[in-house]
PDB file of all heavy atoms in Angstrom:
ATOM      1  N   GLY A   1      -6.474  -8.782 -18.939  1.00  0.00           N
ATOM      2  CA  GLY A   1      -6.526 -10.140 -18.398  1.00  0.00           C
ATOM      3  C   GLY A   1      -5.403 -10.454 -17.435  1.00  0.00           C
ATOM      4  O   GLY A   1      -4.845 -11.545 -17.490  1.00  0.00           O
ATOM      5  N   GLN A   2      -5.062  -9.506 -16.575  1.00  0.00           N
ATOM      6  CA  GLN A   2      -3.995  -9.715 -15.606  1.00  0.00           C
ATOM      7  C   GLN A   2      -4.552  -9.540 -14.197  1.00  0.00           C
ATOM      8  O   GLN A   2      -4.200  -8.586 -13.491  1.00  0.00           O
ATOM      9  CB  GLN A   2      -2.845  -8.735 -15.845  1.00  0.00           C
ATOM     10  CG  GLN A   2      -2.172  -8.903 -17.207  1.00  0.00           C
ATOM     11  CD  GLN A   2      -1.117  -7.834 -17.430  1.00  0.00           C
ATOM     12  OE1 GLN A   2      -1.186  -6.745 -16.881  1.00  0.00           O
ATOM     13  NE2 GLN A   2      -0.136  -8.157 -18.241  1.00  0.00           N
ATOM     14  N   PRO A   3      -5.442 -10.406 -13.770  1.00  0.00           N
ATOM     15  CA  PRO A   3      -6.069 -10.226 -12.449  1.00  0.00           C
ATOM     16  C   PRO A   3      -5.060 -10.249 -11.309  1.00  0.00           C
ATOM     17  O   PRO A   3      -5.225  -9.533 -10.315  1.00  0.00           O
ATOM     18  CB  PRO A   3      -7.045 -11.404 -12.359  1.00  0.00           C
ATOM     19  CG  PRO A   3      -6.550 -12.411 -13.367  1.00  0.00           C
ATOM     20  CD  PRO A   3      -5.933 -11.611 -14.467  1.00  0.00           C
ATOM     21  N   GLN A   4      -3.990 -11.050 -11.434  1.00  0.00           N
ATOM     22  CA  GLN A   4      -2.996 -11.095 -10.368  1.00  0.00           C
ATOM     23  C   GLN A   4      -2.258  -9.766 -10.267  1.00  0.00           C
ATOM     24  O   GLN A   4      -2.046  -9.242  -9.168  1.00  0.00           O
ATOM     25  CB  GLN A   4      -2.002 -12.229 -10.619  1.00  0.00           C
ATOM     26  CG  GLN A   4      -1.002 -12.403  -9.472  1.00  0.00           C
ATOM     27  CD  GLN A   4      -0.070 -13.584  -9.702  1.00  0.00           C
ATOM     28  OE1 GLN A   4      -0.109 -14.226 -10.742  1.00  0.00           O
ATOM     29  NE2 GLN A   4       0.745 -13.879  -8.709  1.00  0.00           N
ATOM     30  N   ALA A   5      -1.892  -9.210 -11.412  1.00  0.00           N
ATOM     31  CA  ALA A   5      -1.225  -7.908 -11.419  1.00  0.00           C
ATOM     32  C   ALA A   5      -2.141  -6.830 -10.866  1.00  0.00           C
ATOM     33  O   ALA A   5      -1.720  -5.963 -10.095  1.00  0.00           O
ATOM     34  CB  ALA A   5      -0.789  -7.559 -12.844  1.00  0.00           C
ATOM     35  N   ALA A   6      -3.422  -6.898 -11.250  1.00  0.00           N
ATOM     36  CA  ALA A   6      -4.376  -5.905 -10.749  1.00  0.00           C
ATOM     37  C   ALA A   6      -4.493  -5.975  -9.232  1.00  0.00           C
ATOM     38  O   ALA A   6      -4.603  -4.954  -8.543  1.00  0.00           O
ATOM     39  CB  ALA A   6      -5.742  -6.118 -11.401  1.00  0.00           C
ATOM     40  N   ALA A   7      -4.468  -7.181  -8.692  1.00  0.00           N
ATOM     41  CA  ALA A   7      -4.554  -7.350  -7.233  1.00  0.00           C
ATOM     42  C   ALA A   7      -3.319  -6.761  -6.544  1.00  0.00           C
ATOM     43  O   ALA A   7      -3.431  -6.132  -5.481  1.00  0.00           O
ATOM     44  CB  ALA A   7      -4.698  -8.826  -6.892  1.00  0.00           C
ATOM     45  N   ILE A   8      -2.167  -6.953  -7.144  1.00  0.00           N
ATOM     46  CA  ILE A   8      -0.929  -6.407  -6.572  1.00  0.00           C
ATOM     47  C   ILE A   8      -0.964  -4.884  -6.585  1.00  0.00           C
ATOM     48  O   ILE A   8      -0.614  -4.228  -5.591  1.00  0.00           O
ATOM     49  CB  ILE A   8       0.293  -6.932  -7.357  1.00  0.00           C
ATOM     50  CG1 ILE A   8       0.463  -8.433  -7.111  1.00  0.00           C
ATOM     51  CG2 ILE A   8       1.554  -6.180  -6.959  1.00  0.00           C
ATOM     52  CD1 ILE A   8       1.513  -9.082  -7.994  1.00  0.00           C
ATOM     53  N   LEU A   9      -1.439  -4.328  -7.712  1.00  0.00           N
ATOM     54  CA  LEU A   9      -1.518  -2.867  -7.818  1.00  0.00           C
ATOM     55  C   LEU A   9      -2.546  -2.299  -6.832  1.00  0.00           C
ATOM     56  O   LEU A   9      -2.325  -1.247  -6.227  1.00  0.00           O
ATOM     57  CB  LEU A   9      -1.873  -2.463  -9.242  1.00  0.00           C
ATOM     58  CG  LEU A   9      -0.871  -2.834 -10.340  1.00  0.00           C
ATOM     59  CD1 LEU A   9      -1.365  -2.380 -11.698  1.00  0.00           C
ATOM     60  CD2 LEU A   9       0.502  -2.243 -10.045  1.00  0.00           C
ATOM     61  N   ALA A  10      -3.663  -3.007  -6.686  1.00  0.00           N
ATOM     62  CA  ALA A  10      -4.694  -2.550  -5.748  1.00  0.00           C
ATOM     63  C   ALA A  10      -4.171  -2.555  -4.316  1.00  0.00           C
ATOM     64  O   ALA A  10      -4.452  -1.638  -3.525  1.00  0.00           O
ATOM     65  CB  ALA A  10      -5.935  -3.431  -5.876  1.00  0.00           C
ATOM     66  N   ARG A  11      -3.436  -3.588  -3.966  1.00  0.00           N
ATOM     67  CA  ARG A  11      -2.863  -3.662  -2.617  1.00  0.00           C
ATOM     68  C   ARG A  11      -1.868  -2.514  -2.398  1.00  0.00           C
ATOM     69  O   ARG A  11      -1.849  -1.884  -1.336  1.00  0.00           O
ATOM     70  CB  ARG A  11      -2.167  -5.013  -2.442  1.00  0.00           C
ATOM     71  CG  ARG A  11      -1.348  -5.137  -1.152  1.00  0.00           C
ATOM     72  CD  ARG A  11      -2.221  -5.043   0.090  1.00  0.00           C
ATOM     73  NE  ARG A  11      -1.426  -5.064   1.293  1.00  0.00           N
ATOM     74  CZ  ARG A  11      -1.027  -6.183   1.906  1.00  0.00           C
ATOM     75  NH1 ARG A  11      -1.350  -7.370   1.404  1.00  0.00           N
ATOM     76  NH2 ARG A  11      -0.317  -6.116   3.023  1.00  0.00           N
ATOM     77  N   ALA A  12      -1.035  -2.249  -3.412  1.00  0.00           N
ATOM     78  CA  ALA A  12      -0.053  -1.165  -3.296  1.00  0.00           C
ATOM     79  C   ALA A  12      -0.748   0.183  -3.136  1.00  0.00           C
ATOM     80  O   ALA A  12      -0.331   1.018  -2.325  1.00  0.00           O
ATOM     81  CB  ALA A  12       0.850  -1.154  -4.526  1.00  0.00           C
ATOM     82  N   GLN A  13      -1.820   0.387  -3.888  1.00  0.00           N
ATOM     83  CA  GLN A  13      -2.562   1.639  -3.778  1.00  0.00           C
ATOM     84  C   GLN A  13      -3.170   1.789  -2.384  1.00  0.00           C
ATOM     85  O   GLN A  13      -3.095   2.862  -1.773  1.00  0.00           O
ATOM     86  CB  GLN A  13      -3.657   1.705  -4.839  1.00  0.00           C
ATOM     87  CG  GLN A  13      -4.473   3.007  -4.767  1.00  0.00           C
ATOM     88  CD  GLN A  13      -5.566   3.063  -5.812  1.00  0.00           C
ATOM     89  OE1 GLN A  13      -5.624   2.204  -6.692  1.00  0.00           O
ATOM     90  NE2 GLN A  13      -6.433   4.055  -5.716  1.00  0.00           N
ATOM     91  N   ALA A  14      -3.784   0.717  -1.873  1.00  0.00           N
ATOM     92  CA  ALA A  14      -4.407   0.773  -0.547  1.00  0.00           C
ATOM     93  C   ALA A  14      -3.361   1.070   0.531  1.00  0.00           C
ATOM     94  O   ALA A  14      -3.609   1.862   1.454  1.00  0.00           O
ATOM     95  CB  ALA A  14      -5.119  -0.544  -0.257  1.00  0.00           C
ATOM     96  N   ASP A  15      -2.187   0.439   0.425  1.00  0.00           N
ATOM     97  CA  ASP A  15      -1.131   0.679   1.414  1.00  0.00           C
ATOM     98  C   ASP A  15      -0.632   2.112   1.358  1.00  0.00           C
ATOM     99  O   ASP A  15      -0.359   2.733   2.395  1.00  0.00           O
ATOM    100  CB  ASP A  15       0.028  -0.292   1.181  1.00  0.00           C
ATOM    101  CG  ASP A  15      -0.294  -1.717   1.610  1.00  0.00           C
ATOM    102  OD1 ASP A  15      -1.303  -1.901   2.325  1.00  0.00           O
ATOM    103  OD2 ASP A  15       0.453  -2.639   1.237  1.00  0.00           O
ATOM    104  N   PHE A  16      -0.527   2.636   0.143  1.00  0.00           N
ATOM    105  CA  PHE A  16      -0.079   4.022   0.013  1.00  0.00           C
ATOM    106  C   PHE A  16      -1.097   4.990   0.608  1.00  0.00           C
ATOM    107  O   PHE A  16      -0.743   5.938   1.312  1.00  0.00           O
ATOM    108  CB  PHE A  16       0.176   4.361  -1.460  1.00  0.00           C
ATOM    109  CG  PHE A  16       0.514   5.809  -1.671  1.00  0.00           C
ATOM    110  CD1 PHE A  16       1.777   6.295  -1.354  1.00  0.00           C
ATOM    111  CD2 PHE A  16      -0.429   6.702  -2.156  1.00  0.00           C
ATOM    112  CE1 PHE A  16       2.094   7.637  -1.521  1.00  0.00           C
ATOM    113  CE2 PHE A  16      -0.124   8.040  -2.324  1.00  0.00           C
ATOM    114  CZ  PHE A  16       1.142   8.509  -2.014  1.00  0.00           C
ATOM    115  N   LEU A  17      -2.377   4.761   0.324  1.00  0.00           N
ATOM    116  CA  LEU A  17      -3.418   5.632   0.869  1.00  0.00           C
ATOM    117  C   LEU A  17      -3.447   5.580   2.391  1.00  0.00           C
ATOM    118  O   LEU A  17      -3.741   6.587   3.047  1.00  0.00           O
ATOM    119  CB  LEU A  17      -4.779   5.238   0.296  1.00  0.00           C
ATOM    120  CG  LEU A  17      -4.999   5.555  -1.185  1.00  0.00           C
ATOM    121  CD1 LEU A  17      -6.319   4.982  -1.662  1.00  0.00           C
ATOM    122  CD2 LEU A  17      -4.948   7.058  -1.422  1.00  0.00           C
ATOM    123  N   LYS A  18      -3.149   4.430   2.956  1.00  0.00           N
ATOM    124  CA  LYS A  18      -3.103   4.314   4.417  1.00  0.00           C
ATOM    125  C   LYS A  18      -1.984   5.188   4.987  1.00  0.00           C
ATOM    126  O   LYS A  18      -2.178   5.922   5.965  1.00  0.00           O
ATOM    127  CB  LYS A  18      -2.902   2.858   4.835  1.00  0.00           C
ATOM    128  CG  LYS A  18      -2.948   2.625   6.343  1.00  0.00           C
ATOM    129  CD  LYS A  18      -2.857   1.146   6.671  1.00  0.00           C
ATOM    130  CE  LYS A  18      -3.099   0.899   8.163  1.00  0.00           C
ATOM    131  NZ  LYS A  18      -2.111   1.566   9.023  1.00  0.00           N
ATOM    132  N   VAL A  19      -0.815   5.120   4.376  1.00  0.00           N
ATOM    133  CA  VAL A  19       0.292   5.965   4.824  1.00  0.00           C
ATOM    134  C   VAL A  19      -0.074   7.433   4.658  1.00  0.00           C
ATOM    135  O   VAL A  19       0.190   8.273   5.524  1.00  0.00           O
ATOM    136  CB  VAL A  19       1.578   5.628   4.035  1.00  0.00           C
ATOM    137  CG1 VAL A  19       2.670   6.667   4.289  1.00  0.00           C
ATOM    138  CG2 VAL A  19       2.082   4.244   4.411  1.00  0.00           C
ATOM    139  N   ASP A  20      -0.712   7.751   3.525  1.00  0.00           N
ATOM    140  CA  ASP A  20      -1.075   9.131   3.229  1.00  0.00           C
ATOM    141  C   ASP A  20      -2.078   9.701   4.227  1.00  0.00           C
ATOM    142  O   ASP A  20      -2.126  10.901   4.466  1.00  0.00           O
ATOM    143  CB  ASP A  20      -1.657   9.191   1.816  1.00  0.00           C
ATOM    144  CG  ASP A  20      -1.804  10.611   1.298  1.00  0.00           C
ATOM    145  OD1 ASP A  20      -0.956  11.447   1.633  1.00  0.00           O
ATOM    146  OD2 ASP A  20      -2.771  10.875   0.573  1.00  0.00           O
ATOM    147  N   SER A  21      -2.890   8.834   4.829  1.00  0.00           N
ATOM    148  CA  SER A  21      -3.936   9.297   5.745  1.00  0.00           C
ATOM    149  C   SER A  21      -3.445   9.479   7.179  1.00  0.00           C
ATOM    150  O   SER A  21      -4.149  10.050   8.003  1.00  0.00           O
ATOM    151  CB  SER A  21      -5.106   8.311   5.735  1.00  0.00           C
ATOM    152  OG  SER A  21      -4.726   7.070   6.318  1.00  0.00           O
ATOM    153  N   GLU A  22      -2.253   8.979   7.491  1.00  0.00           N
ATOM    154  CA  GLU A  22      -1.752   9.055   8.864  1.00  0.00           C
ATOM    155  C   GLU A  22      -1.026  10.379   9.100  1.00  0.00           C
ATOM    156  O   GLU A  22      -0.181  10.773   8.298  1.00  0.00           O
ATOM    157  CB  GLU A  22      -0.799   7.890   9.140  1.00  0.00           C
ATOM    158  CG  GLU A  22      -1.474   6.526   9.098  1.00  0.00           C
ATOM    159  CD  GLU A  22      -0.490   5.383   9.313  1.00  0.00           C
ATOM    160  OE1 GLU A  22       0.721   5.607   9.145  1.00  0.00           O
ATOM    161  OE2 GLU A  22      -0.952   4.274   9.646  1.00  0.00           O
ATOM    162  N   PRO A  23      -1.345  11.082  10.201  1.00  0.00           N
ATOM    163  CA  PRO A  23      -0.648  12.342  10.492  1.00  0.00           C
ATOM    164  C   PRO A  23       0.869  12.158  10.544  1.00  0.00           C
ATOM    165  O   PRO A  23       1.617  12.950   9.981  1.00  0.00           O
ATOM    166  CB  PRO A  23      -1.211  12.746  11.858  1.00  0.00           C
ATOM    167  CG  PRO A  23      -2.544  12.077  11.929  1.00  0.00           C
ATOM    168  CD  PRO A  23      -2.384  10.787  11.203  1.00  0.00           C
ATOM    169  N   VAL A  24       1.305  11.105  11.212  1.00  0.00           N
ATOM    170  CA  VAL A  24       2.719  10.714  11.210  1.00  0.00           C
ATOM    171  C   VAL A  24       2.749   9.216  10.914  1.00  0.00           C
ATOM    172  O   VAL A  24       2.411   8.414  11.778  1.00  0.00           O
ATOM    173  CB  VAL A  24       3.410  11.016  12.558  1.00  0.00           C
ATOM    174  CG1 VAL A  24       4.868  10.592  12.497  1.00  0.00           C
ATOM    175  CG2 VAL A  24       3.301  12.492  12.906  1.00  0.00           C
ATOM    176  N   PRO A  25       3.122   8.813   9.701  1.00  0.00           N
ATOM    177  CA  PRO A  25       3.069   7.392   9.347  1.00  0.00           C
ATOM    178  C   PRO A  25       3.908   6.534  10.280  1.00  0.00           C
ATOM    179  O   PRO A  25       5.038   6.881  10.634  1.00  0.00           O
ATOM    180  CB  PRO A  25       3.643   7.375   7.921  1.00  0.00           C
ATOM    181  CG  PRO A  25       3.419   8.754   7.403  1.00  0.00           C
ATOM    182  CD  PRO A  25       3.566   9.661   8.589  1.00  0.00           C
ATOM    183  N   GLY A  26       3.344   5.407  10.708  1.00  0.00           N
ATOM    184  CA  GLY A  26       4.057   4.479  11.576  1.00  0.00           C
ATOM    185  C   GLY A  26       4.941   3.541  10.780  1.00  0.00           C
ATOM    186  O   GLY A  26       4.804   3.404   9.556  1.00  0.00           O
ATOM    187  N   LEU A  27       5.839   2.868  11.472  1.00  0.00           N
ATOM    188  CA  LEU A  27       6.814   2.017  10.796  1.00  0.00           C
ATOM    189  C   LEU A  27       6.140   0.840  10.083  1.00  0.00           C
ATOM    190  O   LEU A  27       6.502   0.500   8.951  1.00  0.00           O
ATOM    191  CB  LEU A  27       7.843   1.501  11.807  1.00  0.00           C
ATOM    192  CG  LEU A  27       9.011   0.709  11.217  1.00  0.00           C
ATOM    193  CD1 LEU A  27       9.799   1.548  10.221  1.00  0.00           C
ATOM    194  CD2 LEU A  27       9.923   0.211  12.331  1.00  0.00           C
ATOM    195  N   GLN A  28       5.161   0.218  10.726  1.00  0.00           N
ATOM    196  CA  GLN A  28       4.526  -0.952  10.126  1.00  0.00           C
ATOM    197  C   GLN A  28       3.833  -0.600   8.815  1.00  0.00           C
ATOM    198  O   GLN A  28       3.981  -1.305   7.805  1.00  0.00           O
ATOM    199  CB  GLN A  28       3.526  -1.574  11.097  1.00  0.00           C
ATOM    200  CG  GLN A  28       2.874  -2.852  10.566  1.00  0.00           C
ATOM    201  CD  GLN A  28       1.970  -3.519  11.594  1.00  0.00           C
ATOM    202  OE1 GLN A  28       1.943  -3.133  12.753  1.00  0.00           O
ATOM    203  NE2 GLN A  28       1.228  -4.524  11.172  1.00  0.00           N
ATOM    204  N   SER A  29       3.074   0.505   8.819  1.00  0.00           N
ATOM    205  CA  SER A  29       2.348   0.881   7.600  1.00  0.00           C
ATOM    206  C   SER A  29       3.298   1.326   6.493  1.00  0.00           C
ATOM    207  O   SER A  29       3.079   1.022   5.314  1.00  0.00           O
ATOM    208  CB  SER A  29       1.332   1.984   7.902  1.00  0.00           C
ATOM    209  OG  SER A  29       1.963   3.126   8.440  1.00  0.00           O
ATOM    210  N   THR A  30       4.382   2.025   6.849  1.00  0.00           N
ATOM    211  CA  THR A  30       5.322   2.468   5.807  1.00  0.00           C
ATOM    212  C   THR A  30       6.073   1.292   5.203  1.00  0.00           C
ATOM    213  O   THR A  30       6.295   1.246   3.989  1.00  0.00           O
ATOM    214  CB  THR A  30       6.336   3.485   6.368  1.00  0.00           C
ATOM    215  OG1 THR A  30       6.998   2.927   7.507  1.00  0.00           O
ATOM    216  CG2 THR A  30       5.660   4.783   6.746  1.00  0.00           C
ATOM    217  N   MET A  31       6.443   0.306   6.027  1.00  0.00           N
ATOM    218  CA  MET A  31       7.170  -0.847   5.496  1.00  0.00           C
ATOM    219  C   MET A  31       6.258  -1.730   4.642  1.00  0.00           C
ATOM    220  O   MET A  31       6.690  -2.266   3.622  1.00  0.00           O
ATOM    221  CB  MET A  31       7.784  -1.651   6.637  1.00  0.00           C
ATOM    222  CG  MET A  31       8.927  -0.944   7.363  1.00  0.00           C
ATOM    223  SD  MET A  31      10.361  -0.552   6.302  1.00  0.00           S
ATOM    224  CE  MET A  31      10.097   1.213   5.981  1.00  0.00           C
ATOM    225  N   SER A  32       4.997  -1.869   5.041  1.00  0.00           N
ATOM    226  CA  SER A  32       4.047  -2.618   4.216  1.00  0.00           C
ATOM    227  C   SER A  32       3.857  -1.927   2.871  1.00  0.00           C
ATOM    228  O   SER A  32       3.812  -2.579   1.812  1.00  0.00           O
ATOM    229  CB  SER A  32       2.701  -2.752   4.932  1.00  0.00           C
ATOM    230  OG  SER A  32       2.826  -3.521   6.105  1.00  0.00           O
ATOM    231  N   CYS A  33       3.762  -0.610   2.921  1.00  0.00           N
ATOM    232  CA  CYS A  33       3.608   0.179   1.703  1.00  0.00           C
ATOM    233  C   CYS A  33       4.837   0.047   0.809  1.00  0.00           C
ATOM    234  O   CYS A  33       4.728  -0.109  -0.413  1.00  0.00           O
ATOM    235  CB  CYS A  33       3.369   1.642   2.071  1.00  0.00           C
ATOM    236  SG  CYS A  33       3.274   2.765   0.672  1.00  0.00           S
ATOM    237  N   LEU A  34       6.012   0.104   1.411  1.00  0.00           N
ATOM    238  CA  LEU A  34       7.249  -0.037   0.641  1.00  0.00           C
ATOM    239  C   LEU A  34       7.275  -1.382  -0.085  1.00  0.00           C
ATOM    240  O   LEU A  34       7.584  -1.473  -1.282  1.00  0.00           O
ATOM    241  CB  LEU A  34       8.449   0.112   1.577  1.00  0.00           C
ATOM    242  CG  LEU A  34       9.845   0.189   0.961  1.00  0.00           C
ATOM    243  CD1 LEU A  34      10.808   0.889   1.924  1.00  0.00           C
ATOM    244  CD2 LEU A  34      10.413  -1.187   0.634  1.00  0.00           C
ATOM    245  N   GLN A  35       6.936  -2.446   0.619  1.00  0.00           N
ATOM    246  CA  GLN A  35       7.000  -3.791   0.038  1.00  0.00           C
ATOM    247  C   GLN A  35       5.958  -3.989  -1.058  1.00  0.00           C
ATOM    248  O   GLN A  35       6.252  -4.546  -2.129  1.00  0.00           O
ATOM    249  CB  GLN A  35       6.824  -4.833   1.142  1.00  0.00           C
ATOM    250  CG  GLN A  35       7.987  -4.880   2.121  1.00  0.00           C
ATOM    251  CD  GLN A  35       7.661  -5.627   3.405  1.00  0.00           C
ATOM    252  OE1 GLN A  35       6.598  -6.231   3.513  1.00  0.00           O
ATOM    253  NE2 GLN A  35       8.559  -5.586   4.370  1.00  0.00           N
ATOM    254  N   SER A  36       4.739  -3.538  -0.818  1.00  0.00           N
ATOM    255  CA  SER A  36       3.688  -3.742  -1.822  1.00  0.00           C
ATOM    256  C   SER A  36       3.936  -2.893  -3.060  1.00  0.00           C
ATOM    257  O   SER A  36       3.636  -3.319  -4.188  1.00  0.00           O
ATOM    258  CB  SER A  36       2.310  -3.436  -1.229  1.00  0.00           C
ATOM    259  OG  SER A  36       2.219  -2.089  -0.816  1.00  0.00           O
TER     260      SER A  36
END
């Protein structure tokens, strides 16, 4: 019953996967990933 926590974790996972998919991660995506 922690929908807010689940949303935060989902966002963090999506940001990490975005960085993981980039041949050379850009600054914007890495900083978003770091924060989430």
